[in-house]
Amino acid sequence: MPLITLHVLTKAIQRRLNISEPEARGYAEIVMDMFGYDDCIIDNILDHAERRLFYRLESEGILSTRREEAILSDGTNWRIRYWQFQKKVIFSTEPKKKIKATVQKSKPRPSYEPHTIYSSLPETAWTTRKTHFI
């Protein structure tokens, strides 16, 4: 696949997030500054605002994450999280699929009266928990 350029990423963000071009370009500049010429970066370099943007782009399919675990010399596990471009989504020309609204049919009314539900429950249903001391 070809390289991801600022223009290509701007268009992908604009299309997937349904935002204006200047706003999409601002997001694309942040992402491109972080990635540079790489397709994958480590999560540790992101600050809070950048990470929030990355999570948003992940939810739209533009970025994805993967995780590795390494065992340190003292035996503890070290988790390393990476962010990577989803090139198929970025280079796709299709807009984000919209969820079609479903027509809800009128549901049949229940055979019971709503106000009688609570009175039909036993008193023990209202006890959430009891403390037992040993």
Protein backbone atom coordinates (compact mmCIF):
# COMPACT_ATOMS: atom_id res chain seq x y z
CA MET A 1 0.00 0.00 0.00
CA PRO A 2 1.15 3.55 -0.60
CA LEU A 3 2.41 5.86 2.12
CA ILE A 4 -0.05 7.63 4.33
CA THR A 5 0.27 11.34 3.67
CA LEU A 6 -1.18 14.28 5.56
CA HIS A 7 -3.73 14.80 2.78
CA VAL A 8 -4.83 11.16 2.72
CA LEU A 9 -5.16 11.00 6.52
CA THR A 10 -7.06 14.31 6.60
CA LYS A 11 -9.59 13.01 4.09
CA ALA A 12 -9.97 9.72 5.98
CA ILE A 13 -10.54 11.49 9.30
CA GLN A 14 -12.96 13.94 7.70
CA ARG A 15 -14.91 11.10 6.11
CA ARG A 16 -15.01 8.81 9.16
CA LEU A 17 -15.65 11.45 11.84
CA ASN A 18 -17.91 13.58 9.63
CA ILE A 19 -16.12 16.81 10.58
CA SER A 20 -14.87 19.88 8.70
CA GLU A 21 -11.65 19.73 6.70
CA PRO A 22 -9.74 22.22 8.92
CA GLU A 23 -10.64 20.23 12.04
CA ALA A 24 -9.69 16.95 10.35
CA ARG A 25 -6.40 18.47 9.20
CA GLY A 26 -5.60 19.51 12.78
CA TYR A 27 -6.18 15.95 13.98
CA ALA A 28 -4.19 14.54 11.06
CA GLU A 29 -1.25 16.84 11.85
CA ILE A 30 -1.18 15.61 15.45
CA VAL A 31 -1.27 11.97 14.33
CA MET A 32 1.36 12.46 11.61
CA ASP A 33 3.64 14.28 14.08
CA MET A 34 3.46 11.25 16.35
CA PHE A 35 3.86 8.57 13.67
CA GLY A 36 6.35 10.32 11.40
CA TYR A 37 7.29 7.80 8.70
CA ASP A 38 6.38 4.77 10.81
CA ASP A 39 3.22 2.70 10.64
CA CYS A 40 3.39 1.82 14.33
CA ILE A 41 4.27 3.77 17.49
CA ILE A 42 4.55 2.96 21.18
CA ASP A 43 1.80 4.25 23.47
CA ASN A 44 4.21 5.62 26.10
CA ILE A 45 5.05 8.68 24.00
CA LEU A 46 1.46 9.98 24.01
CA ASP A 47 0.14 12.53 26.46
CA HIS A 48 -3.45 12.47 27.73
CA ALA A 49 -4.96 14.64 24.96
CA GLU A 50 -3.20 12.70 22.20
CA ARG A 51 -4.27 9.39 23.72
CA ARG A 52 -7.90 10.58 23.81
CA LEU A 53 -7.67 11.46 20.10
CA PHE A 54 -6.12 8.08 19.34
CA TYR A 55 -8.93 6.28 21.17
CA ARG A 56 -11.47 8.25 19.14
CA LEU A 57 -9.70 7.34 15.91
CA GLU A 58 -9.56 3.72 17.06
CA SER A 59 -13.32 3.69 17.58
CA GLU A 60 -13.73 4.93 14.00
CA GLY A 61 -11.38 2.26 12.63
CA ILE A 62 -8.52 4.54 11.56
CA LEU A 63 -6.12 3.28 14.24
CA SER A 64 -5.82 0.00 16.08
CA THR A 65 -3.78 -1.26 18.99
CA ARG A 66 -1.76 -4.32 19.74
CA ARG A 67 -0.03 -5.36 22.91
CA GLU A 68 3.10 -7.29 23.77
CA GLU A 69 4.31 -8.55 27.10
CA ALA A 70 7.94 -8.77 28.09
CA ILE A 71 9.35 -10.34 31.23
CA LEU A 72 11.77 -8.09 33.08
CA SER A 73 14.88 -9.35 34.86
CA ASP A 74 13.06 -9.30 38.21
CA GLY A 75 10.33 -11.57 36.78
CA THR A 76 7.55 -8.99 36.46
CA ASN A 77 5.56 -8.62 33.26
CA TRP A 78 5.90 -5.39 31.32
CA ARG A 79 3.04 -4.63 28.95
CA ILE A 80 3.86 -2.64 25.85
CA ARG A 81 1.03 -1.15 23.84
CA TYR A 82 1.42 -0.08 20.22
CA TRP A 83 -0.78 2.04 17.95
CA GLN A 84 -0.89 1.30 14.23
CA PHE A 85 -2.64 2.65 11.15
CA GLN A 86 -5.52 0.72 9.61
CA LYS A 87 -4.50 1.32 6.02
CA LYS A 88 -7.51 -0.45 4.49
CA VAL A 89 -9.82 1.98 6.25
CA ILE A 90 -7.65 5.03 5.55
CA PHE A 91 -7.37 4.32 1.83
CA SER A 92 -11.01 3.28 1.51
CA THR A 93 -13.17 5.80 -0.31
CA GLU A 94 -16.36 4.60 1.32
CA PRO A 95 -17.93 6.84 3.94
CA LYS A 96 -18.57 5.38 7.35
CA LYS A 97 -21.59 3.12 7.25
CA LYS A 98 -24.57 4.62 8.97
CA ILE A 99 -26.79 2.49 11.12
CA LYS A 100 -30.23 2.25 9.64
CA ALA A 101 -33.05 3.12 11.94
CA THR A 102 -35.32 0.18 12.43
CA VAL A 103 -39.03 0.61 12.50
CA GLN A 104 -40.31 -0.60 15.81
CA LYS A 105 -43.56 -2.42 15.77
CA SER A 106 -45.90 -1.82 18.63
CA LYS A 107 -45.25 -4.44 21.25
CA PRO A 108 -48.16 -6.26 22.81
CA ARG A 109 -49.05 -4.94 26.23
CA PRO A 110 -48.09 -7.17 29.14
CA SER A 111 -50.84 -9.19 30.74
CA TYR A 112 -50.07 -7.80 34.21
CA GLU A 113 -50.65 -4.37 35.62
CA PRO A 114 -47.35 -2.50 36.14
CA HIS A 115 -48.35 -1.11 39.53
CA THR A 116 -48.92 -4.61 40.93
CA ILE A 117 -45.44 -5.93 40.20
CA TYR A 118 -43.79 -4.55 43.33
CA SER A 119 -46.61 -5.51 45.66
CA SER A 120 -46.40 -9.10 44.43
CA LEU A 121 -42.75 -9.48 45.49
CA PRO A 122 -41.97 -11.08 48.85
CA GLU A 123 -40.42 -8.93 51.58
CA THR A 124 -37.09 -10.78 51.21
CA ALA A 125 -36.69 -9.36 47.70
CA TRP A 126 -36.08 -5.93 49.23
CA THR A 127 -33.21 -7.09 51.43
CA THR A 128 -30.02 -6.50 49.50
CA ARG A 129 -27.56 -8.19 51.83
CA LYS A 130 -27.14 -9.21 55.42
CA THR A 131 -23.91 -8.96 57.35
CA HIS A 132 -22.85 -12.15 59.07
CA PHE A 133 -20.21 -11.88 61.76
CA ILE A 134 -18.15 -14.88 62.79
